[in-house]
Amino acid sequence: MYRKGRRRSSRQFTLFFAANGLAESRLGMSVGRALGGAVVRNRIRRRVREVLRLHRGEIPSGWDIIVHPRASVAKAEFASLGDELLGLVRNSLPPSPVPQSVEKGPGESPANPGPGASRSGGPAS
């Protein structure tokens, strides 16, 4: 991710991202020791995780995303954190790098052919 992906930064976050070829995005976070002691780092993790949880539907699909927060995240207003992180994601990521033919709905994957379909490919018996 760090070598092959792209990077965008804002005042309080650095975002690393790369297309993953999947129908969903995968999110990660890295909070280094330089940001403070365990209490401060855990507070930063909780705040960023909650922003991502609340706005999961607004994040485009098909990306691997790693968030690196800065130390100021621990004391910033929660609403401004959400606005800044989501703005960074929206401005950095195109809608979806996954071709429409790859995206499958529930029950349409080969592992789960859905009702009425047999694994042999013939008619259901």
C-alpha atoms as a PDB file:
ATOM      1  CA  MET A   1       0.000   0.000   0.000  1.00  0.00           C
ATOM      2  CA  TYR A   2       2.650   2.491   0.982  1.00  0.00           C
ATOM      3  CA  ARG A   3       4.776   1.927  -2.135  1.00  0.00           C
ATOM      4  CA  LYS A   4       2.154   1.199  -4.797  1.00  0.00           C
ATOM      5  CA  GLY A   5      -0.740   3.272  -3.491  1.00  0.00           C
ATOM      6  CA  ARG A   6      -1.341   6.986  -3.563  1.00  0.00           C
ATOM      7  CA  ARG A   7      -1.262   9.480  -0.708  1.00  0.00           C
ATOM      8  CA  ARG A   8      -3.267  12.584   0.157  1.00  0.00           C
ATOM      9  CA  SER A   9      -2.950  14.736   3.266  1.00  0.00           C
ATOM     10  CA  SER A  10      -4.991  17.255   5.160  1.00  0.00           C
ATOM     11  CA  ARG A  11      -4.341  19.206   8.334  1.00  0.00           C
ATOM     12  CA  GLN A  12      -5.154  16.265  10.627  1.00  0.00           C
ATOM     13  CA  PHE A  13      -4.910  13.130   8.446  1.00  0.00           C
ATOM     14  CA  THR A  14      -2.807  11.387   5.849  1.00  0.00           C
ATOM     15  CA  LEU A  15      -4.698   8.948   3.650  1.00  0.00           C
ATOM     16  CA  PHE A  16      -3.035   6.107   1.726  1.00  0.00           C
ATOM     17  CA  PHE A  17      -5.201   4.344  -0.838  1.00  0.00           C
ATOM     18  CA  ALA A  18      -5.098   1.883  -3.704  1.00  0.00           C
ATOM     19  CA  ALA A  19      -7.733   0.070  -5.759  1.00  0.00           C
ATOM     20  CA  ASN A  20      -8.410  -3.437  -4.433  1.00  0.00           C
ATOM     21  CA  GLY A  21     -10.585  -4.893  -7.223  1.00  0.00           C
ATOM     22  CA  LEU A  22     -13.312  -5.870  -4.758  1.00  0.00           C
ATOM     23  CA  ALA A  23     -16.896  -4.725  -4.476  1.00  0.00           C
ATOM     24  CA  GLU A  24     -16.198  -3.196  -1.054  1.00  0.00           C
ATOM     25  CA  SER A  25     -13.576  -0.976   0.525  1.00  0.00           C
ATOM     26  CA  ARG A  26     -11.277  -2.154   3.277  1.00  0.00           C
ATOM     27  CA  LEU A  27     -10.257   0.352   5.925  1.00  0.00           C
ATOM     28  CA  GLY A  28      -7.232   0.393   8.207  1.00  0.00           C
ATOM     29  CA  MET A  29      -5.562   2.787  10.576  1.00  0.00           C
ATOM     30  CA  SER A  30      -2.059   3.266  11.916  1.00  0.00           C
ATOM     31  CA  VAL A  31      -1.469   5.297  15.069  1.00  0.00           C
ATOM     32  CA  GLY A  32       2.238   5.524  15.898  1.00  0.00           C
ATOM     33  CA  ARG A  33       3.860   5.937  19.283  1.00  0.00           C
ATOM     34  CA  ALA A  34       5.021   9.405  18.354  1.00  0.00           C
ATOM     35  CA  LEU A  35       1.433  10.620  18.803  1.00  0.00           C
ATOM     36  CA  GLY A  36       1.495  10.049  22.557  1.00  0.00           C
ATOM     37  CA  GLY A  37       1.050   7.455  25.247  1.00  0.00           C
ATOM     38  CA  ALA A  38      -1.360   4.530  25.094  1.00  0.00           C
ATOM     39  CA  VAL A  39      -4.284   6.562  26.428  1.00  0.00           C
ATOM     40  CA  VAL A  40      -3.885   9.247  23.770  1.00  0.00           C
ATOM     41  CA  ARG A  41      -3.370   6.736  20.956  1.00  0.00           C
ATOM     42  CA  ASN A  42      -6.443   4.744  21.982  1.00  0.00           C
ATOM     43  CA  ARG A  43      -8.531   7.926  22.122  1.00  0.00           C
ATOM     44  CA  ILE A  44      -7.407   8.781  18.582  1.00  0.00           C
ATOM     45  CA  ARG A  45      -8.273   5.249  17.395  1.00  0.00           C
ATOM     46  CA  ARG A  46     -11.742   5.376  18.947  1.00  0.00           C
ATOM     47  CA  ARG A  47     -12.517   8.768  17.440  1.00  0.00           C
ATOM     48  CA  VAL A  48     -11.373   7.841  13.919  1.00  0.00           C
ATOM     49  CA  ARG A  49     -13.099   4.444  14.088  1.00  0.00           C
ATOM     50  CA  GLU A  50     -16.373   6.132  15.072  1.00  0.00           C
ATOM     51  CA  VAL A  51     -16.147   8.636  12.198  1.00  0.00           C
ATOM     52  CA  LEU A  52     -15.584   5.775   9.758  1.00  0.00           C
ATOM     53  CA  ARG A  53     -18.423   3.733  11.273  1.00  0.00           C
ATOM     54  CA  LEU A  54     -20.919   6.598  11.071  1.00  0.00           C
ATOM     55  CA  HIS A  55     -20.058   7.397   7.464  1.00  0.00           C
ATOM     56  CA  ARG A  56     -19.240   3.940   6.053  1.00  0.00           C
ATOM     57  CA  GLY A  57     -21.909   4.314   3.338  1.00  0.00           C
ATOM     58  CA  GLU A  58     -20.311   7.521   2.034  1.00  0.00           C
ATOM     59  CA  ILE A  59     -16.944   5.873   1.335  1.00  0.00           C
ATOM     60  CA  PRO A  60     -16.612   4.708  -2.297  1.00  0.00           C
ATOM     61  CA  SER A  61     -16.294   0.951  -2.797  1.00  0.00           C
ATOM     62  CA  GLY A  62     -13.327  -0.843  -4.334  1.00  0.00           C
ATOM     63  CA  TRP A  63     -10.481   0.717  -2.330  1.00  0.00           C
ATOM     64  CA  ASP A  64      -7.968  -0.245   0.336  1.00  0.00           C
ATOM     65  CA  ILE A  65      -7.615   2.771   2.612  1.00  0.00           C
ATOM     66  CA  ILE A  66      -5.178   3.399   5.468  1.00  0.00           C
ATOM     67  CA  VAL A  67      -5.709   6.433   7.695  1.00  0.00           C
ATOM     68  CA  HIS A  68      -2.782   8.017   9.547  1.00  0.00           C
ATOM     69  CA  PRO A  69      -4.142  10.555  12.039  1.00  0.00           C
ATOM     70  CA  ARG A  70      -2.008  13.327  13.498  1.00  0.00           C
ATOM     71  CA  ALA A  71      -1.741  14.070  17.239  1.00  0.00           C
ATOM     72  CA  SER A  72      -4.225  16.960  16.984  1.00  0.00           C
ATOM     73  CA  VAL A  73      -7.038  14.435  16.366  1.00  0.00           C
ATOM     74  CA  ALA A  74      -7.076  13.622  20.100  1.00  0.00           C
ATOM     75  CA  LYS A  75      -8.269  17.130  21.030  1.00  0.00           C
ATOM     76  CA  ALA A  76     -10.113  18.355  17.942  1.00  0.00           C
ATOM     77  CA  GLU A  77     -13.891  18.726  17.852  1.00  0.00           C
ATOM     78  CA  PHE A  78     -15.494  15.476  16.779  1.00  0.00           C
ATOM     79  CA  ALA A  79     -17.718  17.100  14.131  1.00  0.00           C
ATOM     80  CA  SER A  80     -14.747  18.797  12.477  1.00  0.00           C
ATOM     81  CA  LEU A  81     -12.862  15.475  12.405  1.00  0.00           C
ATOM     82  CA  GLY A  82     -15.687  13.829  10.511  1.00  0.00           C
ATOM     83  CA  ASP A  83     -15.958  16.694   8.053  1.00  0.00           C
ATOM     84  CA  GLU A  84     -12.229  16.770   7.391  1.00  0.00           C
ATOM     85  CA  LEU A  85     -11.767  13.005   7.014  1.00  0.00           C
ATOM     86  CA  LEU A  86     -14.805  12.586   4.774  1.00  0.00           C
ATOM     87  CA  GLY A  87     -13.779  15.587   2.689  1.00  0.00           C
ATOM     88  CA  LEU A  88     -10.332  14.078   2.241  1.00  0.00           C
ATOM     89  CA  VAL A  89     -11.830  10.734   1.200  1.00  0.00           C
ATOM     90  CA  ARG A  90     -14.316  12.320  -1.221  1.00  0.00           C
ATOM     91  CA  ASN A  91     -11.693  14.551  -2.831  1.00  0.00           C
ATOM     92  CA  SER A  92      -9.107  11.769  -3.107  1.00  0.00           C
ATOM     93  CA  LEU A  93     -11.080   8.750  -4.297  1.00  0.00           C
ATOM     94  CA  PRO A  94     -12.986   8.392  -7.557  1.00  0.00           C
ATOM     95  CA  PRO A  95     -16.410   6.716  -7.166  1.00  0.00           C
ATOM     96  CA  SER A  96     -15.369   3.082  -7.734  1.00  0.00           C
ATOM     97  CA  PRO A  97     -12.502   1.446  -9.636  1.00  0.00           C
ATOM     98  CA  VAL A  98     -14.361  -1.899  -9.791  1.00  0.00           C
ATOM     99  CA  PRO A  99     -15.993  -2.604 -13.189  1.00  0.00           C
ATOM    100  CA  GLN A 100     -19.733  -3.112 -12.975  1.00  0.00           C
ATOM    101  CA  SER A 101     -19.462  -6.683 -14.326  1.00  0.00           C
ATOM    102  CA  VAL A 102     -17.315  -7.705 -11.327  1.00  0.00           C
ATOM    103  CA  GLU A 103     -19.702  -6.381  -8.695  1.00  0.00           C
ATOM    104  CA  LYS A 104     -22.228  -9.042  -7.761  1.00  0.00           C
ATOM    105  CA  GLY A 105     -25.293  -8.810  -5.636  1.00  0.00           C
ATOM    106  CA  PRO A 106     -26.144 -11.160  -2.805  1.00  0.00           C
ATOM    107  CA  GLY A 107     -26.623 -14.751  -3.929  1.00  0.00           C
ATOM    108  CA  GLU A 108     -24.964 -14.260  -7.321  1.00  0.00           C
ATOM    109  CA  SER A 109     -21.480 -15.552  -6.591  1.00  0.00           C
ATOM    110  CA  PRO A 110     -20.337 -18.946  -7.904  1.00  0.00           C
ATOM    111  CA  ALA A 111     -19.985 -20.190  -4.307  1.00  0.00           C
ATOM    112  CA  ASN A 112     -23.638 -19.344  -3.679  1.00  0.00           C
ATOM    113  CA  PRO A 113     -25.550 -19.741  -6.986  1.00  0.00           C
ATOM    114  CA  GLY A 114     -28.887 -18.937  -5.340  1.00  0.00           C
ATOM    115  CA  PRO A 115     -32.161 -20.831  -5.144  1.00  0.00           C
ATOM    116  CA  GLY A 116     -33.110 -23.141  -7.996  1.00  0.00           C
ATOM    117  CA  ALA A 117     -29.571 -23.503  -9.352  1.00  0.00           C
ATOM    118  CA  SER A 118     -27.568 -26.686  -9.125  1.00  0.00           C
ATOM    119  CA  ARG A 119     -23.808 -26.823  -8.766  1.00  0.00           C
ATOM    120  CA  SER A 120     -23.498 -28.963 -11.911  1.00  0.00           C
ATOM    121  CA  GLY A 121     -24.911 -26.172 -14.030  1.00  0.00           C
ATOM    122  CA  GLY A 122     -27.917 -28.221 -15.138  1.00  0.00           C
ATOM    123  CA  PRO A 123     -31.524 -27.661 -14.172  1.00  0.00           C
ATOM    124  CA  ALA A 124     -32.446 -27.946 -10.524  1.00  0.00           C
ATOM    125  CA  SER A 125     -34.033 -31.217  -9.500  1.00  0.00           C
END
